[in-house]
Amino acid sequence: MAHPSPLLPLTAGQRNAILLRLLCYIALFVIYNLGIHWEARLPDLGYDKFDSSHFGFSEFMQNLMLSLSVVFTLFARAKWPVLRNGCLLLGLFLLASIARQNHLRVEDLVGTKAIWKAIVAILALYAVYTLVRHWKAFLQELNIYAGSYSFGLLMAGVLTTYVFSRLFGRQVLWMDVMGEHYIRIVKNLAEETTESIGYMLICMGTLELCLLARRLFRQIAVN
């Protein structure tokens, strides 16, 4: 398949579409804020609210965002195959994230603690195999993708979820902040909401990936 030339300038309609999606993204954050406020107002549930071991609103949103991200990524790969290898690698990464996100539920369902690790290992091995086999094609795709709006959102989401939220949610940090008044639910809220924001950014990035792939595919067809 021919590789697309550098992206053409956006038309007025495309700029308006970006602004419309921006409003939708803002609405998503508002909905999430209302959801965690609703969960915070619930009566005593017998366990710490916002705890990742229980399926509350934040856990629901995280799984929803990850699932939609997988759908968007694999749909882009199948429908507009200009970034095939990158989409496959991203999809495998997101599937591994779903397995990690739900490891406690998977362990309870299957009855063994090693099952989610085995799933992640299989996905990782397939990702490495794909990367090695299609290394040059992947680099060409990355050169096209790295300067896009989608890539910026995706990297922001990955850094927020997999780096910042892990550091920000450390118990020792919150114990130092609150001292003898340490309240675990506050730490849980900070960690889970930060992680959820990252997943929402990733979902936005994969939606933008779909739109980018469609635009590149049409550009190739015209040329």
N, C-alpha and C. Protein backbone atom coordinates (compact mmCIF):
# COMPACT_ATOMS: atom_id res chain seq x y z
N MET A 1 0.83 -1.19 0.00
CA MET A 1 0.00 0.00 0.00
C MET A 1 0.87 1.25 0.00
N ALA A 2 0.51 2.23 -0.81
CA ALA A 2 1.27 3.47 -0.86
C ALA A 2 1.13 4.22 0.45
N HIS A 3 2.20 4.92 0.82
CA HIS A 3 2.15 5.68 2.06
C HIS A 3 1.64 7.08 1.79
N PRO A 4 0.80 7.61 2.67
CA PRO A 4 0.21 8.92 2.45
C PRO A 4 1.24 10.02 2.53
N SER A 5 1.01 11.07 1.78
CA SER A 5 1.86 12.24 1.86
C SER A 5 1.51 13.02 3.13
N PRO A 6 2.31 14.04 3.49
CA PRO A 6 1.99 14.82 4.69
C PRO A 6 0.56 15.34 4.65
N LEU A 7 -0.05 15.43 5.80
CA LEU A 7 -1.45 15.81 5.88
C LEU A 7 -1.68 17.19 5.29
N LEU A 8 -2.78 17.31 4.57
CA LEU A 8 -3.16 18.58 4.01
C LEU A 8 -3.76 19.47 5.09
N PRO A 9 -3.74 20.80 4.90
CA PRO A 9 -4.35 21.70 5.89
C PRO A 9 -5.82 21.36 6.11
N LEU A 10 -6.31 21.62 7.30
CA LEU A 10 -7.70 21.33 7.63
C LEU A 10 -8.63 22.31 6.92
N THR A 11 -9.76 21.81 6.51
CA THR A 11 -10.79 22.67 5.96
C THR A 11 -11.61 23.28 7.10
N ALA A 12 -12.46 24.25 6.76
CA ALA A 12 -13.31 24.86 7.78
C ALA A 12 -14.22 23.82 8.42
N GLY A 13 -14.74 22.91 7.61
CA GLY A 13 -15.61 21.86 8.15
C GLY A 13 -14.88 20.94 9.10
N GLN A 14 -13.63 20.61 8.78
CA GLN A 14 -12.84 19.75 9.67
C GLN A 14 -12.52 20.47 10.98
N ARG A 15 -12.24 21.76 10.90
CA ARG A 15 -11.98 22.52 12.13
C ARG A 15 -13.23 22.56 13.00
N ASN A 16 -14.38 22.75 12.39
CA ASN A 16 -15.64 22.77 13.14
C ASN A 16 -15.90 21.41 13.79
N ALA A 17 -15.55 20.34 13.07
CA ALA A 17 -15.74 19.00 13.62
C ALA A 17 -14.84 18.78 14.84
N ILE A 18 -13.63 19.33 14.80
CA ILE A 18 -12.73 19.22 15.95
C ILE A 18 -13.30 19.96 17.15
N LEU A 19 -13.85 21.14 16.91
CA LEU A 19 -14.45 21.92 17.99
C LEU A 19 -15.65 21.19 18.58
N LEU A 20 -16.43 20.55 17.72
CA LEU A 20 -17.58 19.79 18.20
C LEU A 20 -17.13 18.62 19.06
N ARG A 21 -16.08 17.92 18.63
CA ARG A 21 -15.58 16.80 19.43
C ARG A 21 -15.02 17.31 20.76
N LEU A 22 -14.40 18.49 20.73
CA LEU A 22 -13.89 19.07 21.97
C LEU A 22 -15.01 19.30 22.97
N LEU A 23 -16.13 19.79 22.49
CA LEU A 23 -17.29 19.99 23.37
C LEU A 23 -17.79 18.65 23.93
N CYS A 24 -17.76 17.62 23.08
CA CYS A 24 -18.16 16.28 23.53
C CYS A 24 -17.19 15.76 24.59
N TYR A 25 -15.91 16.02 24.42
CA TYR A 25 -14.92 15.57 25.39
C TYR A 25 -15.11 16.29 26.73
N ILE A 26 -15.42 17.58 26.66
CA ILE A 26 -15.71 18.32 27.89
C ILE A 26 -16.93 17.73 28.59
N ALA A 27 -17.95 17.40 27.81
CA ALA A 27 -19.16 16.80 28.38
C ALA A 27 -18.84 15.47 29.06
N LEU A 28 -17.91 14.70 28.48
CA LEU A 28 -17.51 13.43 29.08
C LEU A 28 -16.90 13.65 30.46
N PHE A 29 -16.05 14.65 30.59
CA PHE A 29 -15.45 14.95 31.89
C PHE A 29 -16.51 15.40 32.89
N VAL A 30 -17.48 16.17 32.42
CA VAL A 30 -18.56 16.62 33.31
C VAL A 30 -19.36 15.42 33.80
N ILE A 31 -19.69 14.51 32.89
CA ILE A 31 -20.45 13.31 33.26
C ILE A 31 -19.67 12.48 34.28
N TYR A 32 -18.36 12.36 34.07
CA TYR A 32 -17.56 11.59 35.01
C TYR A 32 -17.55 12.26 36.38
N ASN A 33 -17.43 13.58 36.41
CA ASN A 33 -17.45 14.30 37.68
C ASN A 33 -18.76 14.09 38.41
N LEU A 34 -19.87 14.13 37.68
CA LEU A 34 -21.17 13.89 38.30
C LEU A 34 -21.26 12.46 38.82
N GLY A 35 -20.66 11.53 38.09
CA GLY A 35 -20.70 10.13 38.51
C GLY A 35 -19.95 9.87 39.80
N ILE A 36 -18.76 10.44 39.93
CA ILE A 36 -18.00 10.21 41.17
C ILE A 36 -18.65 10.96 42.34
N HIS A 37 -19.31 12.09 42.04
CA HIS A 37 -20.04 12.79 43.10
C HIS A 37 -21.21 11.94 43.58
N TRP A 38 -21.89 11.28 42.63
CA TRP A 38 -22.98 10.38 42.99
C TRP A 38 -22.47 9.23 43.86
N GLU A 39 -21.34 8.66 43.47
CA GLU A 39 -20.79 7.56 44.26
C GLU A 39 -20.37 8.01 45.65
N ALA A 40 -19.83 9.23 45.73
CA ALA A 40 -19.40 9.75 47.03
C ALA A 40 -20.58 9.94 47.97
N ARG A 41 -21.75 10.23 47.42
CA ARG A 41 -22.93 10.49 48.24
C ARG A 41 -23.67 9.21 48.64
N LEU A 42 -23.23 8.07 48.14
CA LEU A 42 -23.88 6.82 48.50
C LEU A 42 -23.71 6.54 50.00
N PRO A 43 -24.66 5.85 50.61
CA PRO A 43 -24.50 5.50 52.03
C PRO A 43 -23.36 4.52 52.22
N ASP A 44 -23.04 4.22 53.47
CA ASP A 44 -21.95 3.30 53.79
C ASP A 44 -22.17 1.97 53.09
N LEU A 45 -21.17 1.56 52.30
CA LEU A 45 -21.28 0.33 51.52
C LEU A 45 -20.59 -0.86 52.19
N GLY A 46 -19.96 -0.62 53.32
CA GLY A 46 -19.26 -1.70 54.01
C GLY A 46 -17.82 -1.86 53.58
N TYR A 47 -17.37 -1.00 52.67
CA TYR A 47 -15.97 -1.01 52.24
C TYR A 47 -15.62 0.41 51.79
N ASP A 48 -14.33 0.65 51.59
CA ASP A 48 -13.89 1.98 51.18
C ASP A 48 -14.41 2.30 49.78
N LYS A 49 -15.04 3.46 49.64
CA LYS A 49 -15.47 3.91 48.32
C LYS A 49 -14.25 4.18 47.45
N PHE A 50 -14.46 4.05 46.15
CA PHE A 50 -13.41 4.29 45.15
C PHE A 50 -12.26 3.31 45.27
N ASP A 51 -12.49 2.19 45.94
CA ASP A 51 -11.46 1.15 46.04
C ASP A 51 -11.50 0.32 44.76
N SER A 52 -10.35 0.10 44.15
CA SER A 52 -10.29 -0.61 42.87
C SER A 52 -10.72 -2.07 42.97
N SER A 53 -10.76 -2.61 44.18
CA SER A 53 -11.16 -4.00 44.34
C SER A 53 -12.68 -4.17 44.25
N HIS A 54 -13.41 -3.05 44.22
CA HIS A 54 -14.87 -3.10 44.11
C HIS A 54 -15.31 -2.36 42.86
N PHE A 55 -16.35 -2.84 42.22
CA PHE A 55 -16.76 -2.31 40.92
C PHE A 55 -17.69 -1.12 41.12
N GLY A 56 -17.10 0.05 41.38
CA GLY A 56 -17.85 1.27 41.51
C GLY A 56 -17.92 2.03 40.20
N PHE A 57 -18.31 3.30 40.27
CA PHE A 57 -18.47 4.10 39.06
C PHE A 57 -17.15 4.29 38.33
N SER A 58 -16.08 4.56 39.07
CA SER A 58 -14.78 4.77 38.43
C SER A 58 -14.32 3.51 37.71
N GLU A 59 -14.49 2.35 38.34
CA GLU A 59 -14.11 1.10 37.68
C GLU A 59 -14.94 0.86 36.42
N PHE A 60 -16.23 1.19 36.51
CA PHE A 60 -17.09 1.05 35.33
C PHE A 60 -16.60 1.94 34.20
N MET A 61 -16.29 3.20 34.51
CA MET A 61 -15.84 4.12 33.48
C MET A 61 -14.50 3.70 32.89
N GLN A 62 -13.61 3.21 33.73
CA GLN A 62 -12.30 2.78 33.24
C GLN A 62 -12.43 1.62 32.27
N ASN A 63 -13.28 0.66 32.61
CA ASN A 63 -13.49 -0.48 31.72
C ASN A 63 -14.22 -0.07 30.45
N LEU A 64 -15.16 0.86 30.56
CA LEU A 64 -15.87 1.34 29.39
C LEU A 64 -14.91 2.06 28.44
N MET A 65 -14.07 2.94 29.00
CA MET A 65 -13.12 3.69 28.17
C MET A 65 -12.11 2.76 27.49
N LEU A 66 -11.63 1.77 28.24
CA LEU A 66 -10.68 0.82 27.65
C LEU A 66 -11.33 -0.02 26.56
N SER A 67 -12.56 -0.46 26.80
CA SER A 67 -13.26 -1.29 25.81
C SER A 67 -13.53 -0.50 24.54
N LEU A 68 -13.98 0.74 24.68
CA LEU A 68 -14.22 1.59 23.51
C LEU A 68 -12.91 1.85 22.77
N SER A 69 -11.83 2.02 23.52
CA SER A 69 -10.53 2.26 22.90
C SER A 69 -10.10 1.08 22.04
N VAL A 70 -10.32 -0.13 22.53
CA VAL A 70 -9.99 -1.34 21.75
C VAL A 70 -10.84 -1.38 20.48
N VAL A 71 -12.14 -1.09 20.63
CA VAL A 71 -13.05 -1.12 19.47
C VAL A 71 -12.61 -0.09 18.43
N PHE A 72 -12.33 1.14 18.86
CA PHE A 72 -11.91 2.19 17.92
C PHE A 72 -10.61 1.80 17.21
N THR A 73 -9.66 1.27 17.97
CA THR A 73 -8.35 0.94 17.41
C THR A 73 -8.44 -0.18 16.38
N LEU A 74 -9.12 -1.25 16.72
CA LEU A 74 -9.22 -2.38 15.81
C LEU A 74 -10.13 -2.07 14.62
N PHE A 75 -11.12 -1.22 14.84
CA PHE A 75 -11.97 -0.79 13.72
C PHE A 75 -11.17 0.03 12.73
N ALA A 76 -10.32 0.93 13.23
CA ALA A 76 -9.47 1.73 12.35
C ALA A 76 -8.55 0.84 11.54
N ARG A 77 -8.01 -0.20 12.18
CA ARG A 77 -7.11 -1.12 11.48
C ARG A 77 -7.83 -1.88 10.38
N ALA A 78 -9.07 -2.31 10.65
CA ALA A 78 -9.80 -3.11 9.67
C ALA A 78 -10.40 -2.27 8.55
N LYS A 79 -10.89 -1.08 8.90
CA LYS A 79 -11.63 -0.26 7.93
C LYS A 79 -10.70 0.60 7.07
N TRP A 80 -9.69 1.19 7.68
CA TRP A 80 -8.77 2.09 6.98
C TRP A 80 -7.33 1.66 7.29
N PRO A 81 -6.82 0.62 6.63
CA PRO A 81 -5.56 -0.02 7.02
C PRO A 81 -4.30 0.73 6.59
N VAL A 82 -4.20 1.98 7.01
CA VAL A 82 -2.98 2.75 6.71
C VAL A 82 -2.00 2.72 7.89
N LEU A 83 -2.50 2.38 9.06
CA LEU A 83 -1.66 2.30 10.26
C LEU A 83 -1.85 0.93 10.91
N ARG A 84 -1.79 -0.10 10.09
CA ARG A 84 -2.15 -1.45 10.51
C ARG A 84 -1.33 -1.95 11.70
N ASN A 85 -0.03 -1.84 11.60
CA ASN A 85 0.84 -2.40 12.64
C ASN A 85 0.73 -1.62 13.94
N GLY A 86 0.69 -0.30 13.83
CA GLY A 86 0.55 0.52 15.03
C GLY A 86 -0.77 0.27 15.73
N CYS A 87 -1.84 0.13 14.94
CA CYS A 87 -3.15 -0.14 15.52
C CYS A 87 -3.17 -1.49 16.23
N LEU A 88 -2.53 -2.49 15.62
CA LEU A 88 -2.49 -3.82 16.24
C LEU A 88 -1.73 -3.77 17.56
N LEU A 89 -0.58 -3.12 17.57
CA LEU A 89 0.21 -3.03 18.80
C LEU A 89 -0.55 -2.27 19.89
N LEU A 90 -1.20 -1.18 19.50
CA LEU A 90 -1.99 -0.42 20.47
C LEU A 90 -3.15 -1.25 20.99
N GLY A 91 -3.82 -1.98 20.10
CA GLY A 91 -4.92 -2.84 20.53
C GLY A 91 -4.48 -3.91 21.52
N LEU A 92 -3.32 -4.52 21.26
CA LEU A 92 -2.79 -5.53 22.19
C LEU A 92 -2.47 -4.92 23.55
N PHE A 93 -1.89 -3.73 23.52
CA PHE A 93 -1.58 -3.02 24.78
C PHE A 93 -2.85 -2.72 25.57
N LEU A 94 -3.89 -2.30 24.89
CA LEU A 94 -5.15 -1.98 25.56
C LEU A 94 -5.84 -3.24 26.10
N LEU A 95 -5.76 -4.33 25.34
CA LEU A 95 -6.32 -5.60 25.84
C LEU A 95 -5.58 -6.07 27.09
N ALA A 96 -4.26 -5.91 27.10
CA ALA A 96 -3.49 -6.25 28.30
C ALA A 96 -3.90 -5.37 29.47
N SER A 97 -4.20 -4.11 29.19
CA SER A 97 -4.64 -3.20 30.24
C SER A 97 -5.98 -3.62 30.81
N ILE A 98 -6.87 -4.11 29.95
CA ILE A 98 -8.16 -4.61 30.44
C ILE A 98 -7.96 -5.81 31.35
N ALA A 99 -7.07 -6.71 30.95
CA ALA A 99 -6.77 -7.89 31.78
C ALA A 99 -6.20 -7.46 33.13
N ARG A 100 -5.30 -6.49 33.12
CA ARG A 100 -4.72 -6.00 34.37
C ARG A 100 -5.76 -5.27 35.21
N GLN A 101 -6.61 -4.50 34.57
CA GLN A 101 -7.62 -3.72 35.28
C GLN A 101 -8.60 -4.64 36.01
N ASN A 102 -8.86 -5.80 35.43
CA ASN A 102 -9.87 -6.71 35.99
C ASN A 102 -9.25 -7.97 36.58
N HIS A 103 -7.99 -7.89 37.00
CA HIS A 103 -7.30 -9.11 37.43
C HIS A 103 -7.96 -9.76 38.65
N LEU A 104 -8.49 -8.95 39.56
CA LEU A 104 -9.14 -9.54 40.74
C LEU A 104 -10.41 -10.29 40.34
N ARG A 105 -11.18 -9.72 39.43
CA ARG A 105 -12.40 -10.38 38.98
C ARG A 105 -12.09 -11.61 38.16
N VAL A 106 -11.03 -11.56 37.34
CA VAL A 106 -10.62 -12.73 36.56
C VAL A 106 -10.15 -13.84 37.49
N GLU A 107 -9.39 -13.47 38.51
CA GLU A 107 -8.89 -14.46 39.47
C GLU A 107 -10.04 -15.14 40.20
N ASP A 108 -11.04 -14.35 40.61
CA ASP A 108 -12.20 -14.93 41.30
C ASP A 108 -12.99 -15.86 40.38
N LEU A 109 -13.08 -15.47 39.10
CA LEU A 109 -13.87 -16.26 38.15
C LEU A 109 -13.20 -17.59 37.82
N VAL A 110 -11.89 -17.54 37.61
CA VAL A 110 -11.15 -18.73 37.18
C VAL A 110 -10.62 -19.54 38.36
N GLY A 111 -10.31 -18.83 39.44
CA GLY A 111 -9.83 -19.52 40.63
C GLY A 111 -8.33 -19.63 40.73
N THR A 112 -7.60 -18.89 39.90
CA THR A 112 -6.15 -18.90 39.99
C THR A 112 -5.62 -17.49 39.80
N LYS A 113 -4.57 -17.14 40.53
CA LYS A 113 -4.03 -15.79 40.48
C LYS A 113 -3.10 -15.55 39.29
N ALA A 114 -2.75 -16.62 38.61
CA ALA A 114 -1.78 -16.49 37.52
C ALA A 114 -2.43 -16.25 36.16
N ILE A 115 -3.74 -16.39 36.06
CA ILE A 115 -4.39 -16.37 34.76
C ILE A 115 -4.24 -15.03 34.05
N TRP A 116 -4.41 -13.92 34.76
CA TRP A 116 -4.32 -12.63 34.09
C TRP A 116 -2.89 -12.35 33.64
N LYS A 117 -1.91 -12.84 34.42
CA LYS A 117 -0.52 -12.67 34.02
C LYS A 117 -0.22 -13.48 32.76
N ALA A 118 -0.83 -14.65 32.65
CA ALA A 118 -0.64 -15.47 31.46
C ALA A 118 -1.25 -14.77 30.23
N ILE A 119 -2.41 -14.16 30.42
CA ILE A 119 -3.05 -13.43 29.32
C ILE A 119 -2.16 -12.28 28.86
N VAL A 120 -1.66 -11.51 29.82
CA VAL A 120 -0.79 -10.37 29.49
C VAL A 120 0.48 -10.85 28.80
N ALA A 121 1.04 -11.96 29.27
CA ALA A 121 2.27 -12.49 28.69
C ALA A 121 2.06 -12.91 27.23
N ILE A 122 0.93 -13.55 26.95
CA ILE A 122 0.62 -13.98 25.58
C ILE A 122 0.47 -12.76 24.67
N LEU A 123 -0.25 -11.74 25.14
CA LEU A 123 -0.43 -10.53 24.36
C LEU A 123 0.90 -9.82 24.12
N ALA A 124 1.75 -9.80 25.15
CA ALA A 124 3.06 -9.15 25.03
C ALA A 124 3.95 -9.87 24.03
N LEU A 125 3.94 -11.19 24.07
CA LEU A 125 4.75 -11.97 23.13
C LEU A 125 4.29 -11.75 21.69
N TYR A 126 2.99 -11.71 21.49
CA TYR A 126 2.47 -11.46 20.15
C TYR A 126 2.83 -10.05 19.67
N ALA A 127 2.81 -9.09 20.61
CA ALA A 127 3.19 -7.72 20.27
C ALA A 127 4.66 -7.64 19.86
N VAL A 128 5.52 -8.32 20.60
CA VAL A 128 6.95 -8.33 20.27
C VAL A 128 7.17 -8.99 18.91
N TYR A 129 6.49 -10.10 18.66
CA TYR A 129 6.58 -10.80 17.38
C TYR A 129 6.17 -9.87 16.23
N THR A 130 5.07 -9.18 16.41
CA THR A 130 4.58 -8.25 15.38
C THR A 130 5.56 -7.11 15.16
N LEU A 131 6.10 -6.58 16.25
CA LEU A 131 7.02 -5.45 16.15
C LEU A 131 8.30 -5.84 15.42
N VAL A 132 8.84 -7.01 15.75
CA VAL A 132 10.07 -7.47 15.10
C VAL A 132 9.83 -7.77 13.63
N ARG A 133 8.72 -8.42 13.33
CA ARG A 133 8.43 -8.82 11.95
C ARG A 133 8.15 -7.62 11.05
N HIS A 134 7.50 -6.59 11.59
CA HIS A 134 7.09 -5.45 10.76
C HIS A 134 7.74 -4.16 11.25
N TRP A 135 8.98 -4.24 11.68
CA TRP A 135 9.67 -3.10 12.28
C TRP A 135 9.74 -1.89 11.34
N LYS A 136 10.15 -2.10 10.11
CA LYS A 136 10.30 -0.98 9.16
C LYS A 136 8.96 -0.34 8.85
N ALA A 137 7.95 -1.18 8.65
CA ALA A 137 6.62 -0.64 8.36
C ALA A 137 6.08 0.13 9.57
N PHE A 138 6.36 -0.38 10.78
CA PHE A 138 5.91 0.30 11.98
C PHE A 138 6.57 1.68 12.11
N LEU A 139 7.87 1.77 11.81
CA LEU A 139 8.56 3.06 11.87
C LEU A 139 7.99 4.05 10.87
N GLN A 140 7.64 3.57 9.69
CA GLN A 140 7.03 4.45 8.69
C GLN A 140 5.68 4.97 9.18
N GLU A 141 4.91 4.09 9.80
CA GLU A 141 3.61 4.51 10.34
C GLU A 141 3.79 5.50 11.49
N LEU A 142 4.79 5.25 12.32
CA LEU A 142 5.04 6.14 13.46
C LEU A 142 5.44 7.54 12.99
N ASN A 143 6.22 7.60 11.91
CA ASN A 143 6.61 8.90 11.37
C ASN A 143 5.39 9.71 10.93
N ILE A 144 4.39 9.02 10.43
CA ILE A 144 3.15 9.68 10.00
C ILE A 144 2.31 10.08 11.20
N TYR A 145 2.25 9.18 12.18
CA TYR A 145 1.31 9.33 13.31
C TYR A 145 1.82 10.25 14.41
N ALA A 146 3.14 10.31 14.59
CA ALA A 146 3.69 10.97 15.78
C ALA A 146 3.36 12.45 15.90
N GLY A 147 3.09 13.12 14.79
CA GLY A 147 2.79 14.54 14.85
C GLY A 147 1.31 14.86 14.87
N SER A 148 0.48 13.86 15.09
CA SER A 148 -0.97 14.06 14.98
C SER A 148 -1.61 14.43 16.32
N TYR A 149 -2.81 14.98 16.23
CA TYR A 149 -3.64 15.31 17.40
C TYR A 149 -3.91 14.04 18.21
N SER A 150 -4.18 12.94 17.52
CA SER A 150 -4.45 11.67 18.17
C SER A 150 -3.27 11.22 19.03
N PHE A 151 -2.07 11.32 18.48
CA PHE A 151 -0.88 10.88 19.20
C PHE A 151 -0.69 11.69 20.49
N GLY A 152 -0.93 13.00 20.42
CA GLY A 152 -0.80 13.84 21.60
C GLY A 152 -1.77 13.43 22.70
N LEU A 153 -3.02 13.19 22.34
CA LEU A 153 -4.01 12.74 23.33
C LEU A 153 -3.63 11.38 23.91
N LEU A 154 -3.19 10.49 23.03
CA LEU A 154 -2.84 9.14 23.47
C LEU A 154 -1.67 9.16 24.45
N MET A 155 -0.62 9.92 24.13
CA MET A 155 0.53 10.00 25.02
C MET A 155 0.16 10.66 26.35
N ALA A 156 -0.70 11.67 26.30
CA ALA A 156 -1.15 12.31 27.54
C ALA A 156 -1.89 11.31 28.42
N GLY A 157 -2.73 10.48 27.79
CA GLY A 157 -3.47 9.47 28.54
C GLY A 157 -2.57 8.41 29.14
N VAL A 158 -1.61 7.93 28.34
CA VAL A 158 -0.69 6.89 28.83
C VAL A 158 0.14 7.42 30.00
N LEU A 159 0.67 8.62 29.87
CA LEU A 159 1.48 9.20 30.95
C LEU A 159 0.65 9.44 32.20
N THR A 160 -0.59 9.89 32.01
CA THR A 160 -1.46 10.15 33.16
C THR A 160 -1.81 8.87 33.90
N THR A 161 -2.20 7.83 33.13
CA THR A 161 -2.66 6.59 33.75
C THR A 161 -1.53 5.73 34.29
N TYR A 162 -0.51 5.53 33.46
CA TYR A 162 0.49 4.53 33.79
C TYR A 162 1.71 5.09 34.52
N VAL A 163 1.82 6.41 34.60
CA VAL A 163 2.95 7.01 35.31
C VAL A 163 2.45 7.89 36.45
N PHE A 164 1.75 8.99 36.10
CA PHE A 164 1.39 9.96 37.14
C PHE A 164 0.45 9.39 38.19
N SER A 165 -0.60 8.67 37.76
CA SER A 165 -1.56 8.17 38.74
C SER A 165 -0.92 7.18 39.70
N ARG A 166 0.07 6.40 39.21
CA ARG A 166 0.75 5.45 40.08
C ARG A 166 1.57 6.18 41.14
N LEU A 167 2.21 7.27 40.74
CA LEU A 167 3.00 8.05 41.70
C LEU A 167 2.09 8.87 42.61
N PHE A 168 1.06 9.47 42.04
CA PHE A 168 0.15 10.32 42.80
C PHE A 168 -0.66 9.52 43.81
N GLY A 169 -0.89 8.23 43.52
CA GLY A 169 -1.71 7.41 44.40
C GLY A 169 -0.93 6.65 45.46
N ARG A 170 0.35 6.93 45.61
CA ARG A 170 1.14 6.22 46.62
C ARG A 170 0.62 6.56 48.03
N GLN A 171 0.43 5.51 48.82
CA GLN A 171 -0.09 5.70 50.17
C GLN A 171 0.83 6.57 51.02
N VAL A 172 2.14 6.40 50.84
CA VAL A 172 3.09 7.16 51.66
C VAL A 172 2.96 8.65 51.41
N LEU A 173 2.65 9.05 50.17
CA LEU A 173 2.46 10.46 49.86
C LEU A 173 1.29 11.04 50.63
N TRP A 174 0.16 10.33 50.60
CA TRP A 174 -1.04 10.84 51.25
C TRP A 174 -0.94 10.76 52.77
N MET A 175 -0.19 9.80 53.28
CA MET A 175 0.03 9.74 54.73
C MET A 175 0.88 10.92 55.18
N ASP A 176 1.85 11.29 54.37
CA ASP A 176 2.67 12.47 54.70
C ASP A 176 1.86 13.75 54.61
N VAL A 177 0.95 13.81 53.63
CA VAL A 177 0.13 15.02 53.47
C VAL A 177 -0.85 15.19 54.62
N MET A 178 -1.53 14.10 55.01
CA MET A 178 -2.60 14.20 56.02
C MET A 178 -2.15 13.82 57.42
N GLY A 179 -0.95 13.23 57.53
CA GLY A 179 -0.44 12.89 58.85
C GLY A 179 -1.36 11.95 59.61
N GLU A 180 -1.61 12.31 60.86
CA GLU A 180 -2.46 11.45 61.71
C GLU A 180 -3.92 11.49 61.29
N HIS A 181 -4.26 12.40 60.39
CA HIS A 181 -5.65 12.49 59.90
C HIS A 181 -5.82 11.77 58.56
N TYR A 182 -4.90 10.87 58.27
CA TYR A 182 -4.95 10.14 57.00
C TYR A 182 -6.28 9.40 56.85
N ILE A 183 -6.91 9.60 55.68
CA ILE A 183 -8.17 8.94 55.36
C ILE A 183 -7.97 8.22 54.02
N ARG A 184 -8.11 6.92 54.03
CA ARG A 184 -7.82 6.13 52.84
C ARG A 184 -8.71 6.49 51.67
N ILE A 185 -9.97 6.83 51.94
CA ILE A 185 -10.90 7.12 50.85
C ILE A 185 -10.44 8.33 50.02
N VAL A 186 -9.75 9.27 50.67
CA VAL A 186 -9.24 10.44 49.95
C VAL A 186 -8.14 10.01 48.98
N LYS A 187 -7.26 9.14 49.45
CA LYS A 187 -6.20 8.60 48.58
C LYS A 187 -6.81 7.82 47.43
N ASN A 188 -7.83 6.99 47.72
CA ASN A 188 -8.50 6.21 46.69
C ASN A 188 -9.12 7.11 45.63
N LEU A 189 -9.79 8.18 46.09
CA LEU A 189 -10.44 9.10 45.17
C LEU A 189 -9.42 9.75 44.24
N ALA A 190 -8.32 10.23 44.81
CA ALA A 190 -7.29 10.89 44.01
C ALA A 190 -6.71 9.94 42.98
N GLU A 191 -6.41 8.72 43.40
CA GLU A 191 -5.79 7.75 42.49
C GLU A 191 -6.75 7.31 41.40
N GLU A 192 -7.97 6.95 41.76
CA GLU A 192 -8.92 6.43 40.79
C GLU A 192 -9.37 7.49 39.80
N THR A 193 -9.58 8.71 40.26
CA THR A 193 -10.01 9.76 39.33
C THR A 193 -8.89 10.12 38.36
N THR A 194 -7.67 10.17 38.85
CA THR A 194 -6.54 10.47 37.96
C THR A 194 -6.38 9.37 36.92
N GLU A 195 -6.51 8.14 37.36
CA GLU A 195 -6.41 7.01 36.42
C GLU A 195 -7.53 7.05 35.39
N SER A 196 -8.72 7.39 35.85
CA SER A 196 -9.87 7.46 34.94
C SER A 196 -9.69 8.56 33.90
N ILE A 197 -9.16 9.70 34.32
CA ILE A 197 -8.90 10.79 33.38
C ILE A 197 -7.94 10.31 32.28
N GLY A 198 -6.92 9.55 32.68
CA GLY A 198 -5.99 9.02 31.69
C GLY A 198 -6.67 8.10 30.70
N TYR A 199 -7.56 7.24 31.20
CA TYR A 199 -8.27 6.32 30.30
C TYR A 199 -9.20 7.08 29.35
N MET A 200 -9.80 8.16 29.84
CA MET A 200 -10.65 8.96 28.97
C MET A 200 -9.83 9.62 27.87
N LEU A 201 -8.64 10.10 28.21
CA LEU A 201 -7.76 10.69 27.20
C LEU A 201 -7.33 9.65 26.16
N ILE A 202 -7.05 8.43 26.63
CA ILE A 202 -6.69 7.35 25.70
C ILE A 202 -7.86 7.06 24.76
N CYS A 203 -9.07 7.03 25.31
CA CYS A 203 -10.24 6.76 24.48
C CYS A 203 -10.42 7.87 23.43
N MET A 204 -10.23 9.11 23.85
CA MET A 204 -10.30 10.22 22.90
C MET A 204 -9.24 10.07 21.82
N GLY A 205 -8.03 9.67 22.23
CA GLY A 205 -6.95 9.49 21.28
C GLY A 205 -7.24 8.41 20.26
N THR A 206 -7.88 7.33 20.68
CA THR A 206 -8.19 6.25 19.73
C THR A 206 -9.34 6.64 18.80
N LEU A 207 -10.28 7.44 19.30
CA LEU A 207 -11.32 7.96 18.41
C LEU A 207 -10.70 8.86 17.35
N GLU A 208 -9.78 9.72 17.78
CA GLU A 208 -9.09 10.58 16.82
C GLU A 208 -8.23 9.75 15.86
N LEU A 209 -7.74 8.62 16.34
CA LEU A 209 -6.98 7.71 15.46
C LEU A 209 -7.86 7.20 14.34
N CYS A 210 -9.10 6.84 14.66
CA CYS A 210 -10.04 6.40 13.62
C CYS A 210 -10.22 7.48 12.56
N LEU A 211 -10.43 8.69 13.02
CA LEU A 211 -10.67 9.79 12.08
C LEU A 211 -9.42 10.10 11.26
N LEU A 212 -8.26 10.00 11.89
CA LEU A 212 -7.01 10.21 11.17
C LEU A 212 -6.80 9.13 10.11
N ALA A 213 -7.03 7.88 10.49
CA ALA A 213 -6.86 6.77 9.54
C ALA A 213 -7.81 6.93 8.35
N ARG A 214 -9.03 7.36 8.62
CA ARG A 214 -9.98 7.58 7.52
C ARG A 214 -9.49 8.68 6.60
N ARG A 215 -8.99 9.76 7.18
CA ARG A 215 -8.50 10.88 6.37
C ARG A 215 -7.30 10.46 5.52
N LEU A 216 -6.36 9.73 6.12
CA LEU A 216 -5.19 9.27 5.38
C LEU A 216 -5.59 8.31 4.26
N PHE A 217 -6.51 7.42 4.57
CA PHE A 217 -6.97 6.44 3.57
C PHE A 217 -7.60 7.14 2.37
N ARG A 218 -8.43 8.14 2.64
CA ARG A 218 -9.06 8.89 1.55
C ARG A 218 -8.02 9.69 0.76
N GLN A 219 -7.02 10.17 1.46
CA GLN A 219 -5.96 10.92 0.78
C GLN A 219 -5.20 10.02 -0.18
N ILE A 220 -4.94 8.79 0.22
CA ILE A 220 -4.27 7.82 -0.65
C ILE A 220 -5.15 7.52 -1.87
N ALA A 221 -6.46 7.36 -1.65
CA ALA A 221 -7.38 7.05 -2.73
C ALA A 221 -7.41 8.16 -3.77
N VAL A 222 -7.34 9.42 -3.30
CA VAL A 222 -7.36 10.57 -4.21
C VAL A 222 -6.08 10.63 -5.02
N ASN A 223 -4.95 10.35 -4.33
CA ASN A 223 -3.65 10.42 -5.01
C ASN A 223 -3.44 9.23 -5.94
